[in-house]
Amino acid sequence: MTDIALIQSAAARLAGHARVTPLLNAPLLDALAGRRVFVKAECLQLTGSFKFRGGWSAVSALDPATRARGVMAYSSGNHAQGVALAAQRHGVPAVILMPADAPQVKIANTRAYGAEVILYDRATEDRDALGAALTAERGLTLVKPFDDAQVIAGQGTCGLEIAEQAQTAGVTEATVLTCCGGGGLTAGIALALESRAPALTVRPVEPAGFDDTARSLASGRIERNAAATGSICDAILTPAPGALTFPILRRLCGAGLTVTDDQALRAMALAFAHLRIVLEPGGAVALAAALFHDDLPDTVICTASGGNVDPATFRMALERYPA
């Protein structure tokens, strides 16, 4: 079970390996949003997303003999890259199962980190079944993208940084908006803040039409998305919240929010214009909620969770400036 002790242990193993990413603010962005907006720039993390935290936490926690046999992951790209780099730096093999429609930049980067990439059709094939077969066949250890205690702990280190950086910025009370797929980042941050900054409350943000977490929080049980594809926010298109993450979300998080693909693209354009950071659509949904939702408090903190965007999509976003 993930708790603050496991998060602190992950932070100790990550020290000197992951970046402490900045908490950014721009007055012009505040003016556009009508509130103070702080942005936790995980797009500047190694591999371009927060996923390196969880990947390193999980790989480094394995006993050496198990780790030496290699690790396996399935991901649309950010978890893939995080696990691939963690495996490379530990000198062990990595096999990554990726959807064939993942952005080419993510597939190419995962291969560049030394992983063997196997592509599948996410609309017709079951990644869990494919992953189980591969791990059994090759004797690998599966590192799940979010439903893994060590992965959640690694993502929770982002929450430890938010607590410390918010205090430095004089922020004692705020809503923390998280880009949410399966809930690993959201759960980890929520656990860290419960311990270190309980006046910072977490709300997950998802793409419209893929709001399984928001619906699950509303109903009190795990709800699934009807479709696997159909949004440009590929990084956070998951079938349902995880069995490990959902109880944490239900206990600690406020109601979920949704944004449209267009709002995510507009947020990308504004992040580049005012913060000079590059976001991918799924990594921009929390900022989009801060900018375009009215029912939020005067101060919000957003995770800018990833920046692995292909050039065509980034051009599409910049065309929306001024948004």
Protein backbone atom coordinates (compact mmCIF):
# COMPACT_ATOMS: atom_id res chain seq x y z
CA MET A 1 0.00 0.00 0.00
CA THR A 2 1.29 3.44 -0.87
CA ASP A 3 1.63 5.85 2.05
CA ILE A 4 3.79 8.82 2.96
CA ALA A 5 6.59 6.53 4.14
CA LEU A 6 6.75 4.82 0.73
CA ILE A 7 6.73 8.22 -0.98
CA GLN A 8 9.59 9.42 1.21
CA SER A 9 11.56 6.25 0.39
CA ALA A 10 10.94 6.84 -3.33
CA ALA A 11 12.14 10.43 -2.92
CA ALA A 12 15.38 9.19 -1.35
CA ARG A 13 16.00 6.82 -4.29
CA LEU A 14 15.12 9.54 -6.82
CA ALA A 15 17.47 12.10 -5.27
CA GLY A 16 20.21 12.93 -7.75
CA HIS A 17 18.40 11.11 -10.57
CA ALA A 18 15.17 13.07 -11.17
CA ARG A 19 14.89 16.83 -11.57
CA VAL A 20 13.18 19.06 -9.04
CA THR A 21 10.89 20.83 -11.52
CA PRO A 22 9.92 24.47 -11.03
CA LEU A 23 6.59 25.92 -9.91
CA LEU A 24 5.95 28.69 -12.44
CA ASN A 25 3.70 31.73 -12.42
CA ALA A 26 3.07 34.51 -14.94
CA PRO A 27 1.02 37.64 -14.17
CA LEU A 28 -0.43 37.74 -17.70
CA LEU A 29 -1.65 34.16 -17.33
CA ASP A 30 -3.20 35.07 -13.98
CA ALA A 31 -5.03 37.94 -15.65
CA LEU A 32 -6.40 35.68 -18.38
CA ALA A 33 -7.57 33.10 -15.84
CA GLY A 34 -8.98 35.60 -13.37
CA ARG A 35 -7.08 33.88 -10.54
CA ARG A 36 -3.53 33.09 -9.46
CA VAL A 37 -2.28 30.13 -11.46
CA PHE A 38 0.86 28.24 -10.49
CA VAL A 39 2.14 25.60 -12.90
CA LYS A 40 4.23 22.62 -11.77
CA ALA A 41 6.32 22.11 -14.90
CA GLU A 42 6.76 18.33 -15.06
CA CYS A 43 7.19 18.75 -18.82
CA LEU A 44 10.76 19.68 -17.84
CA GLN A 45 11.29 16.36 -16.02
CA LEU A 46 13.64 13.77 -17.54
CA THR A 47 11.94 12.06 -20.54
CA GLY A 48 9.57 15.03 -20.75
CA SER A 49 7.03 13.96 -18.13
CA PHE A 50 6.42 13.06 -14.50
CA LYS A 51 6.45 9.39 -15.50
CA PHE A 52 10.20 9.16 -14.97
CA ARG A 53 9.54 9.50 -11.23
CA GLY A 54 7.33 6.41 -11.09
CA GLY A 55 9.48 4.45 -13.52
CA TRP A 56 12.64 5.03 -11.49
CA SER A 57 10.84 4.36 -8.21
CA ALA A 58 9.54 0.99 -9.42
CA VAL A 59 12.72 -0.19 -11.16
CA SER A 60 15.02 0.90 -8.33
CA ALA A 61 12.82 -0.86 -5.75
CA LEU A 62 13.29 -4.30 -7.38
CA ASP A 63 15.81 -6.67 -5.90
CA PRO A 64 18.91 -6.84 -8.12
CA ALA A 65 18.34 -10.41 -9.35
CA THR A 66 14.76 -9.71 -10.39
CA ARG A 67 15.72 -6.40 -11.98
CA ALA A 68 18.53 -8.01 -13.99
CA ARG A 69 16.01 -10.20 -15.86
CA GLY A 70 14.43 -7.08 -17.27
CA VAL A 71 11.22 -5.07 -17.02
CA MET A 72 8.16 -4.68 -19.16
CA ALA A 73 5.63 -1.85 -19.44
CA TYR A 74 2.65 -0.84 -21.53
CA SER A 75 2.08 2.81 -22.33
CA SER A 76 1.07 5.30 -25.00
CA GLY A 77 4.47 6.87 -24.52
CA ASN A 78 5.28 8.76 -21.33
CA HIS A 79 5.37 5.78 -18.95
CA ALA A 80 7.17 3.93 -21.73
CA GLN A 81 9.94 6.51 -21.81
CA GLY A 82 10.17 6.75 -18.03
CA VAL A 83 10.58 2.99 -17.59
CA ALA A 84 12.91 2.73 -20.60
CA LEU A 85 15.32 5.35 -19.24
CA ALA A 86 15.15 3.93 -15.71
CA ALA A 87 15.98 0.47 -17.09
CA GLN A 88 18.78 1.83 -19.27
CA ARG A 89 20.39 3.62 -16.34
CA HIS A 90 20.17 0.45 -14.25
CA GLY A 91 21.71 -1.54 -17.11
CA VAL A 92 18.75 -3.91 -17.55
CA PRO A 93 16.54 -4.79 -20.56
CA ALA A 94 13.15 -3.14 -21.12
CA VAL A 95 10.31 -4.32 -23.37
CA ILE A 96 7.57 -1.76 -23.97
CA LEU A 97 4.13 -2.48 -25.42
CA MET A 98 2.84 0.66 -27.16
CA PRO A 99 -0.32 1.43 -29.17
CA ALA A 100 0.41 1.75 -32.87
CA ASP A 101 -1.35 5.13 -32.95
CA ALA A 102 0.89 6.63 -30.23
CA PRO A 103 2.70 9.81 -31.32
CA GLN A 104 5.73 8.89 -33.38
CA VAL A 105 7.96 11.09 -31.23
CA LYS A 106 7.09 8.95 -28.19
CA ILE A 107 7.75 5.68 -30.01
CA ALA A 108 11.06 6.98 -31.37
CA ASN A 109 12.17 8.32 -27.98
CA THR A 110 11.33 5.04 -26.22
CA ARG A 111 13.50 3.16 -28.71
CA ALA A 112 16.26 5.76 -28.29
CA TYR A 113 16.34 4.97 -24.56
CA GLY A 114 17.25 1.40 -25.51
CA ALA A 115 13.91 -0.35 -25.09
CA GLU A 116 12.43 -2.97 -27.40
CA VAL A 117 9.09 -1.54 -28.58
CA ILE A 118 6.21 -3.84 -29.56
CA LEU A 119 3.21 -2.14 -31.16
CA TYR A 120 -0.44 -3.17 -30.79
CA ASP A 121 -3.89 -1.93 -31.86
CA ARG A 122 -5.51 -0.38 -28.79
CA ALA A 123 -8.99 -0.46 -30.38
CA THR A 124 -8.98 -4.22 -31.00
CA GLU A 125 -6.30 -5.77 -28.75
CA ASP A 126 -6.15 -6.14 -24.96
CA ARG A 127 -2.91 -4.64 -23.67
CA ASP A 128 -3.26 -6.36 -20.29
CA ALA A 129 -3.49 -9.79 -21.93
CA LEU A 130 -0.61 -9.02 -24.30
CA GLY A 131 1.50 -7.73 -21.42
CA ALA A 132 0.79 -10.75 -19.26
CA ALA A 133 1.82 -13.07 -22.08
CA LEU A 134 5.07 -11.19 -22.70
CA THR A 135 6.08 -11.08 -19.05
CA ALA A 136 5.44 -14.82 -18.64
CA GLU A 137 7.21 -15.73 -21.88
CA ARG A 138 10.35 -13.68 -21.18
CA GLY A 139 10.51 -13.72 -17.38
CA LEU A 140 10.14 -9.95 -17.13
CA THR A 141 8.72 -7.86 -14.28
CA LEU A 142 5.70 -5.78 -15.26
CA VAL A 143 5.80 -2.13 -14.20
CA LYS A 144 2.20 -0.95 -14.49
CA PRO A 145 1.58 2.64 -15.62
CA PHE A 146 -0.40 3.68 -12.54
CA ASP A 147 -1.77 0.75 -10.52
CA ASP A 148 1.50 -0.08 -8.78
CA ALA A 149 2.37 1.01 -5.24
CA GLN A 150 5.95 2.00 -6.12
CA VAL A 151 4.83 3.91 -9.22
CA ILE A 152 2.26 5.84 -7.16
CA ALA A 153 4.99 6.55 -4.59
CA GLY A 154 7.30 7.88 -7.27
CA GLN A 155 4.60 10.20 -8.62
CA GLY A 156 3.94 11.29 -5.05
CA THR A 157 7.39 12.89 -4.94
CA CYS A 158 5.92 15.56 -7.22
CA GLY A 159 3.48 16.30 -4.42
CA LEU A 160 6.30 16.66 -1.88
CA GLU A 161 7.86 19.29 -4.14
CA ILE A 162 4.54 21.09 -4.63
CA ALA A 163 4.07 21.33 -0.86
CA GLU A 164 7.52 22.82 -0.33
CA GLN A 165 7.37 25.16 -3.33
CA ALA A 166 3.87 26.41 -2.49
CA GLN A 167 5.05 27.28 1.01
CA THR A 168 8.02 29.19 -0.44
CA ALA A 169 5.62 31.08 -2.74
CA GLY A 170 3.41 31.98 0.21
CA VAL A 171 0.55 29.76 -0.95
CA THR A 172 -1.11 28.23 2.10
CA GLU A 173 -4.47 27.30 0.58
CA ALA A 174 -5.22 26.26 -3.01
CA THR A 175 -6.86 23.73 -5.29
CA VAL A 176 -4.33 21.47 -7.01
CA LEU A 177 -5.51 20.42 -10.47
CA THR A 178 -3.94 17.24 -11.84
CA CYS A 179 -3.93 15.80 -15.34
CA CYS A 180 -5.55 12.43 -14.73
CA GLY A 181 -5.54 9.16 -16.64
CA GLY A 182 -5.44 6.10 -14.41
CA GLY A 183 -4.80 8.22 -11.34
CA GLY A 184 -1.20 7.46 -10.38
CA LEU A 185 -0.07 11.09 -10.36
CA THR A 186 -3.29 12.29 -8.77
CA ALA A 187 -3.20 9.65 -6.02
CA GLY A 188 0.50 10.18 -5.29
CA ILE A 189 0.14 13.96 -5.07
CA ALA A 190 -2.98 13.65 -2.92
CA LEU A 191 -1.19 11.36 -0.44
CA ALA A 192 1.84 13.65 -0.26
CA LEU A 193 -0.28 16.75 0.29
CA GLU A 194 -2.42 15.03 2.91
CA SER A 195 0.76 14.70 4.96
CA ARG A 196 2.68 17.85 4.04
CA ALA A 197 0.08 20.48 3.04
CA PRO A 198 -3.48 19.42 3.87
CA ALA A 199 -4.91 22.84 2.91
CA LEU A 200 -3.96 22.07 -0.71
CA THR A 201 -6.84 19.97 -2.05
CA VAL A 202 -6.66 17.90 -5.22
CA ARG A 203 -9.12 17.73 -8.12
CA PRO A 204 -8.47 15.53 -11.19
CA VAL A 205 -8.95 16.85 -14.74
CA GLU A 206 -9.74 14.69 -17.79
CA PRO A 207 -10.67 15.10 -21.47
CA ALA A 208 -14.37 15.43 -22.25
CA GLY A 209 -15.80 12.04 -23.18
CA PHE A 210 -13.08 10.22 -21.20
CA ASP A 211 -14.11 11.27 -17.70
CA ASP A 212 -14.03 7.86 -16.03
CA THR A 213 -12.44 9.27 -12.88
CA ALA A 214 -14.96 12.11 -12.55
CA ARG A 215 -17.86 9.68 -13.01
CA SER A 216 -16.29 7.20 -10.61
CA LEU A 217 -15.89 9.84 -7.92
CA ALA A 218 -19.51 10.91 -8.43
CA SER A 219 -20.91 7.36 -8.23
CA GLY A 220 -18.53 5.97 -5.62
CA ARG A 221 -17.56 2.99 -7.78
CA ILE A 222 -15.16 2.44 -10.67
CA GLU A 223 -16.69 3.52 -13.98
CA ARG A 224 -15.24 2.71 -17.39
CA ASN A 225 -14.94 4.72 -20.59
CA ALA A 226 -17.00 3.48 -23.52
CA ALA A 227 -14.22 4.19 -26.06
CA ALA A 228 -10.45 3.74 -26.07
CA THR A 229 -9.68 6.45 -28.63
CA GLY A 230 -11.20 9.70 -29.81
CA SER A 231 -9.26 12.50 -28.08
CA ILE A 232 -5.93 14.15 -28.85
CA CYS A 233 -5.05 13.75 -25.17
CA ASP A 234 -3.52 10.32 -25.80
CA ALA A 235 -1.38 10.33 -22.67
CA ILE A 236 -4.38 10.20 -20.33
CA LEU A 237 -6.81 7.96 -22.23
CA THR A 238 -7.22 5.03 -19.86
CA PRO A 239 -10.15 2.63 -19.57
CA ALA A 240 -10.87 3.27 -15.87
CA PRO A 241 -9.26 4.36 -12.60
CA GLY A 242 -7.03 1.73 -11.02
CA ALA A 243 -7.94 -0.64 -8.23
CA LEU A 244 -5.12 0.87 -6.15
CA THR A 245 -5.55 4.49 -7.19
CA PHE A 246 -9.34 4.83 -6.94
CA PRO A 247 -9.68 4.30 -3.17
CA ILE A 248 -7.08 7.03 -2.65
CA LEU A 249 -8.86 9.38 -5.05
CA ARG A 250 -12.24 8.69 -3.44
CA ARG A 251 -10.86 9.45 0.03
CA LEU A 252 -8.78 12.53 -0.77
CA CYS A 253 -9.95 14.22 -3.99
CA GLY A 254 -12.67 16.68 -4.84
CA ALA A 255 -14.98 16.34 -7.84
CA GLY A 256 -13.41 15.76 -11.24
CA LEU A 257 -13.33 18.34 -14.01
CA THR A 258 -13.32 17.93 -17.80
CA VAL A 259 -12.01 20.06 -20.66
CA THR A 260 -12.39 19.82 -24.42
CA ASP A 261 -9.60 19.05 -26.85
CA ASP A 262 -9.83 22.65 -28.10
CA GLN A 263 -9.38 23.98 -24.58
CA ALA A 264 -6.33 21.75 -24.10
CA LEU A 265 -4.82 23.10 -27.33
CA ARG A 266 -5.53 26.69 -26.27
CA ALA A 267 -3.86 26.01 -22.92
CA MET A 268 -0.81 24.68 -24.76
CA ALA A 269 -0.61 27.91 -26.76
CA LEU A 270 -0.94 30.08 -23.65
CA ALA A 271 1.64 28.04 -21.72
CA PHE A 272 4.13 28.59 -24.53
CA ALA A 273 3.29 32.29 -24.85
CA HIS A 274 3.45 33.17 -21.16
CA LEU A 275 5.60 30.50 -19.51
CA ARG A 276 7.76 29.43 -22.46
CA ILE A 277 7.11 25.75 -21.83
CA VAL A 278 6.00 23.11 -24.34
CA LEU A 279 3.07 20.90 -23.35
CA GLU A 280 1.34 17.96 -25.00
CA PRO A 281 -2.48 17.93 -25.00
CA GLY A 282 -2.85 15.46 -22.13
CA GLY A 283 -0.29 17.40 -20.13
CA ALA A 284 -2.23 20.65 -20.57
CA VAL A 285 -5.70 19.67 -19.34
CA ALA A 286 -5.11 20.85 -15.76
CA LEU A 287 -4.00 24.26 -16.99
CA ALA A 288 -6.99 24.33 -19.35
CA ALA A 289 -9.30 23.80 -16.38
CA ALA A 290 -7.59 26.65 -14.50
CA LEU A 291 -8.03 28.95 -17.47
CA PHE A 292 -11.51 28.05 -18.67
CA HIS A 293 -13.48 26.82 -15.62
CA ASP A 294 -15.22 29.50 -13.59
CA ASP A 295 -16.03 27.49 -10.47
CA LEU A 296 -12.52 27.45 -8.98
CA PRO A 297 -10.96 29.38 -6.08
CA ASP A 298 -8.68 32.39 -6.30
CA THR A 299 -5.50 30.30 -6.28
CA VAL A 300 -4.85 27.08 -8.17
CA ILE A 301 -1.81 24.92 -8.78
CA CYS A 302 -1.76 22.88 -12.01
CA THR A 303 0.39 19.96 -13.04
CA ALA A 304 1.84 20.46 -16.51
CA SER A 305 2.43 16.75 -16.63
CA GLY A 306 4.08 16.18 -20.02
CA GLY A 307 5.62 17.88 -23.03
CA ASN A 308 6.12 15.06 -25.52
CA VAL A 309 4.15 16.57 -28.38
CA ASP A 310 4.68 15.95 -32.07
CA PRO A 311 5.35 19.04 -34.25
CA ALA A 312 2.04 18.85 -36.14
CA THR A 313 -0.02 18.89 -32.95
CA PHE A 314 2.06 21.69 -31.47
CA ARG A 315 1.55 23.78 -34.62
CA MET A 316 -2.18 23.13 -34.32
CA ALA A 317 -2.04 24.47 -30.78
CA LEU A 318 -0.03 27.58 -31.67
CA GLU A 319 -2.58 28.44 -34.35
CA ARG A 320 -5.02 29.05 -31.48
CA TYR A 321 -2.94 31.90 -30.06
CA PRO A 322 -4.16 34.34 -28.91
CA ALA A 323 -6.57 31.85 -27.41
